[in-house]
Amino acid sequence: MFLSDPLTKESFVPKRSNQKFSCRLNQIKYNNRKAKSKRLAKAPYDKILDANRNILIRIIGEEDDRIVSKDYLLGAGFNFQIFNRSFEKDGVQYQCVYRYALCLLKSGQYKIIKLK
């Protein structure tokens, strides 16, 4: 029984029933290319998320929460387009950037909380 190596497309006879690549080096190269492609696809969003995270760290400091205006966040360079998750608690919607969550208060300001 011959198989085709996913990286090189060469035919080979597998030595194990679950072997998909002709050699370990081809498997490593294939998986590295796949991981690089995934990283490149995510890079623009990860860059924004990381910048937002750094802004929130700088703003909140050692406190557990802080209330700031939208203008303050925008002035710091915060991007309101990209978050990595959201949740609702006690009827309040939170948008998260890793371990920091923002919610819009009735006053129009934003409460930033550090998640545990």
N, C-alpha and C. Protein backbone atom coordinates (compact mmCIF):
# COMPACT_ATOMS: atom_id res chain seq x y z
N MET A 1 0.85 -1.18 0.00
CA MET A 1 0.00 0.00 0.00
C MET A 1 0.90 1.25 0.00
N PHE A 2 0.66 2.12 -0.96
CA PHE A 2 1.44 3.35 -1.06
C PHE A 2 0.60 4.52 -0.56
N LEU A 3 1.26 5.47 0.10
CA LEU A 3 0.63 6.73 0.52
C LEU A 3 1.38 7.88 -0.11
N SER A 4 0.73 9.03 -0.14
CA SER A 4 1.36 10.24 -0.67
C SER A 4 1.69 11.17 0.51
N ASP A 5 2.93 11.59 0.61
CA ASP A 5 3.37 12.51 1.66
C ASP A 5 2.68 13.87 1.46
N PRO A 6 1.98 14.42 2.47
CA PRO A 6 1.28 15.69 2.31
C PRO A 6 2.20 16.88 1.98
N LEU A 7 3.47 16.80 2.36
CA LEU A 7 4.39 17.91 2.09
C LEU A 7 5.00 17.81 0.70
N THR A 8 5.57 16.68 0.38
CA THR A 8 6.32 16.54 -0.88
C THR A 8 5.53 15.87 -1.99
N LYS A 9 4.42 15.28 -1.66
CA LYS A 9 3.56 14.53 -2.61
C LYS A 9 4.24 13.26 -3.15
N GLU A 10 5.37 12.89 -2.57
CA GLU A 10 6.05 11.67 -3.00
C GLU A 10 5.32 10.44 -2.44
N SER A 11 5.39 9.36 -3.18
CA SER A 11 4.78 8.09 -2.73
C SER A 11 5.76 7.37 -1.83
N PHE A 12 5.20 6.72 -0.81
CA PHE A 12 6.04 5.93 0.11
C PHE A 12 5.21 4.81 0.70
N VAL A 13 5.92 3.84 1.22
CA VAL A 13 5.28 2.71 1.90
C VAL A 13 5.37 2.99 3.40
N PRO A 14 4.23 3.14 4.08
CA PRO A 14 4.26 3.45 5.51
C PRO A 14 4.78 2.27 6.34
N LYS A 15 5.53 2.61 7.39
CA LYS A 15 6.05 1.58 8.29
C LYS A 15 5.11 1.34 9.47
N ARG A 16 4.18 2.30 9.69
CA ARG A 16 3.19 2.18 10.75
C ARG A 16 1.81 2.42 10.16
N SER A 17 0.80 1.93 10.81
CA SER A 17 -0.56 2.07 10.28
C SER A 17 -1.05 3.52 10.31
N ASN A 18 -0.47 4.36 11.19
CA ASN A 18 -0.93 5.74 11.29
C ASN A 18 0.07 6.74 10.68
N GLN A 19 1.04 6.26 9.95
CA GLN A 19 2.06 7.13 9.35
C GLN A 19 1.48 7.87 8.15
N LYS A 20 1.67 9.21 8.12
CA LYS A 20 1.14 10.03 7.03
C LYS A 20 2.25 10.69 6.23
N PHE A 21 3.44 10.80 6.80
CA PHE A 21 4.57 11.46 6.15
C PHE A 21 5.66 10.43 5.90
N SER A 22 6.47 10.67 4.86
CA SER A 22 7.53 9.72 4.54
C SER A 22 8.64 9.73 5.58
N CYS A 23 8.83 10.89 6.25
CA CYS A 23 9.83 10.98 7.31
C CYS A 23 9.43 12.05 8.33
N ARG A 24 10.05 12.00 9.47
CA ARG A 24 9.73 12.93 10.56
C ARG A 24 10.02 14.38 10.16
N LEU A 25 11.08 14.62 9.42
CA LEU A 25 11.43 15.97 8.98
C LEU A 25 10.32 16.59 8.14
N ASN A 26 9.70 15.82 7.27
CA ASN A 26 8.58 16.33 6.46
C ASN A 26 7.39 16.68 7.33
N GLN A 27 7.15 15.88 8.35
CA GLN A 27 6.04 16.16 9.27
C GLN A 27 6.29 17.48 10.00
N ILE A 28 7.51 17.68 10.46
CA ILE A 28 7.87 18.92 11.18
C ILE A 28 7.72 20.12 10.25
N LYS A 29 8.26 20.03 9.04
CA LYS A 29 8.16 21.13 8.08
C LYS A 29 6.70 21.46 7.77
N TYR A 30 5.90 20.42 7.53
CA TYR A 30 4.48 20.60 7.22
C TYR A 30 3.76 21.31 8.37
N ASN A 31 3.98 20.84 9.59
CA ASN A 31 3.31 21.43 10.75
C ASN A 31 3.80 22.85 11.03
N ASN A 32 5.10 23.11 10.80
CA ASN A 32 5.62 24.48 10.97
C ASN A 32 5.00 25.44 9.96
N ARG A 33 4.86 25.00 8.72
CA ARG A 33 4.22 25.84 7.69
C ARG A 33 2.76 26.12 8.03
N LYS A 34 2.09 25.10 8.51
CA LYS A 34 0.69 25.24 8.90
C LYS A 34 0.55 26.22 10.07
N ALA A 35 1.42 26.12 11.07
CA ALA A 35 1.40 27.01 12.23
C ALA A 35 1.74 28.45 11.82
N LYS A 36 2.69 28.60 10.90
CA LYS A 36 3.07 29.94 10.43
C LYS A 36 1.90 30.59 9.69
N SER A 37 1.23 29.83 8.88
CA SER A 37 0.07 30.35 8.15
C SER A 37 -1.01 30.83 9.12
N LYS A 38 -1.23 30.06 10.15
CA LYS A 38 -2.23 30.43 11.17
C LYS A 38 -1.80 31.70 11.91
N ARG A 39 -0.51 31.79 12.29
CA ARG A 39 0.00 32.98 12.96
C ARG A 39 -0.14 34.22 12.10
N LEU A 40 0.18 34.10 10.81
CA LEU A 40 0.08 35.24 9.90
C LEU A 40 -1.36 35.70 9.73
N ALA A 41 -2.29 34.76 9.70
CA ALA A 41 -3.71 35.10 9.57
C ALA A 41 -4.22 35.83 10.80
N LYS A 42 -3.71 35.46 11.98
CA LYS A 42 -4.16 36.07 13.24
C LYS A 42 -3.40 37.34 13.61
N ALA A 43 -2.26 37.57 12.99
CA ALA A 43 -1.34 38.65 13.39
C ALA A 43 -1.98 40.03 13.49
N PRO A 44 -2.78 40.47 12.52
CA PRO A 44 -3.36 41.82 12.64
C PRO A 44 -4.25 41.97 13.89
N TYR A 45 -4.99 40.93 14.21
CA TYR A 45 -5.88 40.98 15.37
C TYR A 45 -5.10 40.85 16.67
N ASP A 46 -4.11 39.98 16.67
CA ASP A 46 -3.28 39.82 17.87
C ASP A 46 -2.52 41.09 18.20
N LYS A 47 -2.10 41.82 17.18
CA LYS A 47 -1.39 43.08 17.39
C LYS A 47 -2.30 44.09 18.08
N ILE A 48 -3.54 44.19 17.63
CA ILE A 48 -4.51 45.12 18.23
C ILE A 48 -4.84 44.68 19.66
N LEU A 49 -5.08 43.38 19.85
CA LEU A 49 -5.39 42.87 21.19
C LEU A 49 -4.25 43.14 22.17
N ASP A 50 -3.02 42.93 21.72
CA ASP A 50 -1.87 43.16 22.58
C ASP A 50 -1.73 44.64 22.93
N ALA A 51 -1.94 45.50 21.94
CA ALA A 51 -1.88 46.95 22.20
C ALA A 51 -2.97 47.36 23.18
N ASN A 52 -4.20 46.86 22.99
CA ASN A 52 -5.30 47.16 23.91
C ASN A 52 -5.00 46.66 25.31
N ARG A 53 -4.43 45.48 25.41
CA ARG A 53 -4.07 44.90 26.72
C ARG A 53 -3.06 45.79 27.42
N ASN A 54 -2.05 46.23 26.71
CA ASN A 54 -1.04 47.10 27.31
C ASN A 54 -1.63 48.43 27.77
N ILE A 55 -2.57 48.97 27.00
CA ILE A 55 -3.25 50.20 27.39
C ILE A 55 -4.04 50.00 28.68
N LEU A 56 -4.79 48.90 28.76
CA LEU A 56 -5.58 48.63 29.96
C LEU A 56 -4.70 48.39 31.17
N ILE A 57 -3.58 47.70 30.99
CA ILE A 57 -2.64 47.48 32.10
C ILE A 57 -2.13 48.83 32.62
N ARG A 58 -1.77 49.70 31.69
CA ARG A 58 -1.26 51.01 32.07
C ARG A 58 -2.32 51.84 32.80
N ILE A 59 -3.56 51.78 32.33
CA ILE A 59 -4.64 52.58 32.93
C ILE A 59 -5.03 52.05 34.30
N ILE A 60 -5.22 50.75 34.42
CA ILE A 60 -5.74 50.19 35.67
C ILE A 60 -4.66 50.06 36.75
N GLY A 61 -3.42 49.89 36.35
CA GLY A 61 -2.33 49.78 37.31
C GLY A 61 -2.55 48.65 38.29
N GLU A 62 -2.39 48.93 39.57
CA GLU A 62 -2.54 47.91 40.62
C GLU A 62 -3.98 47.79 41.12
N GLU A 63 -4.86 48.64 40.63
CA GLU A 63 -6.26 48.62 41.08
C GLU A 63 -7.00 47.42 40.48
N ASP A 64 -8.14 47.07 41.11
CA ASP A 64 -8.98 45.99 40.58
C ASP A 64 -9.97 46.50 39.54
N ASP A 65 -10.31 47.79 39.62
CA ASP A 65 -11.21 48.39 38.64
C ASP A 65 -10.94 49.89 38.57
N ARG A 66 -11.42 50.47 37.48
CA ARG A 66 -11.25 51.91 37.28
C ARG A 66 -12.31 52.38 36.30
N ILE A 67 -12.80 53.59 36.49
CA ILE A 67 -13.79 54.19 35.60
C ILE A 67 -13.12 55.32 34.83
N VAL A 68 -13.26 55.25 33.49
CA VAL A 68 -12.67 56.26 32.62
C VAL A 68 -13.65 56.60 31.49
N SER A 69 -13.41 57.71 30.84
CA SER A 69 -14.27 58.11 29.72
C SER A 69 -13.82 57.44 28.44
N LYS A 70 -14.72 57.42 27.47
CA LYS A 70 -14.39 56.86 26.16
C LYS A 70 -13.28 57.69 25.52
N ASP A 71 -13.34 59.02 25.69
CA ASP A 71 -12.31 59.90 25.14
C ASP A 71 -10.93 59.57 25.72
N TYR A 72 -10.90 59.23 27.00
CA TYR A 72 -9.63 58.87 27.64
C TYR A 72 -9.06 57.61 27.00
N LEU A 73 -9.93 56.61 26.80
CA LEU A 73 -9.48 55.37 26.16
C LEU A 73 -9.04 55.62 24.72
N LEU A 74 -9.81 56.40 23.98
CA LEU A 74 -9.43 56.71 22.60
C LEU A 74 -8.12 57.48 22.55
N GLY A 75 -7.95 58.41 23.46
CA GLY A 75 -6.71 59.19 23.53
C GLY A 75 -5.50 58.32 23.84
N ALA A 76 -5.73 57.25 24.58
CA ALA A 76 -4.65 56.31 24.90
C ALA A 76 -4.36 55.38 23.73
N GLY A 77 -5.25 55.40 22.71
CA GLY A 77 -5.06 54.56 21.53
C GLY A 77 -5.86 53.27 21.54
N PHE A 78 -6.82 53.14 22.45
CA PHE A 78 -7.61 51.92 22.56
C PHE A 78 -8.47 51.74 21.31
N ASN A 79 -8.53 50.51 20.79
CA ASN A 79 -9.33 50.18 19.62
C ASN A 79 -10.57 49.42 20.09
N PHE A 80 -11.74 50.00 19.87
CA PHE A 80 -13.00 49.40 20.32
C PHE A 80 -13.56 48.35 19.35
N GLN A 81 -12.82 48.03 18.30
CA GLN A 81 -13.31 47.10 17.29
C GLN A 81 -12.98 45.64 17.59
N ILE A 82 -11.91 45.40 18.34
CA ILE A 82 -11.42 44.03 18.53
C ILE A 82 -11.40 43.66 20.02
N PHE A 83 -12.14 42.60 20.36
CA PHE A 83 -12.12 42.01 21.69
C PHE A 83 -11.99 40.51 21.51
N ASN A 84 -11.51 39.80 22.54
CA ASN A 84 -11.36 38.36 22.34
C ASN A 84 -12.47 37.53 22.99
N ARG A 85 -13.34 38.16 23.75
CA ARG A 85 -14.54 37.47 24.25
C ARG A 85 -15.47 38.48 24.89
N SER A 86 -16.66 38.04 25.20
CA SER A 86 -17.62 38.88 25.92
C SER A 86 -18.45 37.99 26.82
N PHE A 87 -19.04 38.59 27.83
CA PHE A 87 -19.94 37.85 28.71
C PHE A 87 -20.93 38.82 29.34
N GLU A 88 -21.98 38.25 29.90
CA GLU A 88 -22.99 39.04 30.59
C GLU A 88 -23.05 38.59 32.04
N LYS A 89 -23.08 39.55 32.94
CA LYS A 89 -23.19 39.25 34.36
C LYS A 89 -24.13 40.26 34.98
N ASP A 90 -25.14 39.77 35.66
CA ASP A 90 -26.14 40.62 36.32
C ASP A 90 -26.75 41.63 35.35
N GLY A 91 -27.00 41.20 34.12
CA GLY A 91 -27.63 42.06 33.12
C GLY A 91 -26.69 43.08 32.49
N VAL A 92 -25.41 43.01 32.79
CA VAL A 92 -24.42 43.94 32.24
C VAL A 92 -23.54 43.20 31.25
N GLN A 93 -23.38 43.77 30.06
CA GLN A 93 -22.55 43.17 29.02
C GLN A 93 -21.11 43.65 29.15
N TYR A 94 -20.18 42.71 29.18
CA TYR A 94 -18.75 43.02 29.28
C TYR A 94 -18.04 42.57 28.01
N GLN A 95 -17.12 43.40 27.54
CA GLN A 95 -16.24 43.07 26.42
C GLN A 95 -14.85 42.88 27.00
N CYS A 96 -14.17 41.82 26.62
CA CYS A 96 -12.89 41.49 27.26
C CYS A 96 -11.70 41.57 26.31
N VAL A 97 -10.59 41.95 26.91
CA VAL A 97 -9.28 41.87 26.29
C VAL A 97 -8.45 41.06 27.29
N TYR A 98 -8.32 39.78 27.00
CA TYR A 98 -7.65 38.83 27.89
C TYR A 98 -8.23 38.91 29.30
N ARG A 99 -7.49 39.31 30.31
CA ARG A 99 -8.03 39.28 31.68
C ARG A 99 -8.59 40.62 32.14
N TYR A 100 -8.92 41.49 31.19
CA TYR A 100 -9.51 42.79 31.51
C TYR A 100 -10.86 42.90 30.80
N ALA A 101 -11.85 43.42 31.51
CA ALA A 101 -13.19 43.53 30.94
C ALA A 101 -13.65 44.98 31.04
N LEU A 102 -14.38 45.41 30.02
CA LEU A 102 -14.93 46.76 29.99
C LEU A 102 -16.44 46.66 29.91
N CYS A 103 -17.12 47.56 30.60
CA CYS A 103 -18.55 47.67 30.44
C CYS A 103 -18.91 49.15 30.36
N LEU A 104 -19.90 49.45 29.55
CA LEU A 104 -20.37 50.81 29.38
C LEU A 104 -21.36 51.12 30.49
N LEU A 105 -21.08 52.17 31.25
CA LEU A 105 -21.97 52.58 32.33
C LEU A 105 -23.05 53.53 31.79
N LYS A 106 -24.11 53.71 32.57
CA LYS A 106 -25.19 54.61 32.16
C LYS A 106 -24.70 56.04 31.99
N SER A 107 -23.66 56.39 32.69
CA SER A 107 -23.09 57.74 32.60
C SER A 107 -22.35 57.97 31.29
N GLY A 108 -22.14 56.90 30.51
CA GLY A 108 -21.40 57.02 29.26
C GLY A 108 -19.92 56.72 29.43
N GLN A 109 -19.50 56.52 30.68
CA GLN A 109 -18.11 56.17 30.93
C GLN A 109 -17.95 54.66 30.89
N TYR A 110 -16.71 54.22 30.92
CA TYR A 110 -16.41 52.79 30.89
C TYR A 110 -15.77 52.36 32.20
N LYS A 111 -16.26 51.22 32.69
CA LYS A 111 -15.65 50.63 33.87
C LYS A 111 -14.74 49.50 33.38
N ILE A 112 -13.49 49.56 33.80
CA ILE A 112 -12.51 48.53 33.47
C ILE A 112 -12.31 47.69 34.72
N ILE A 113 -12.43 46.38 34.59
CA ILE A 113 -12.19 45.51 35.74
C ILE A 113 -11.14 44.47 35.39
N LYS A 114 -10.36 44.10 36.39
CA LYS A 114 -9.37 43.04 36.23
C LYS A 114 -10.05 41.74 36.65
N LEU A 115 -10.13 40.79 35.73
CA LEU A 115 -10.78 39.52 36.03
C LEU A 115 -9.84 38.64 36.85
N LYS A 116 -10.43 37.86 37.72
CA LYS A 116 -9.64 36.96 38.59
C LYS A 116 -9.40 35.66 37.90
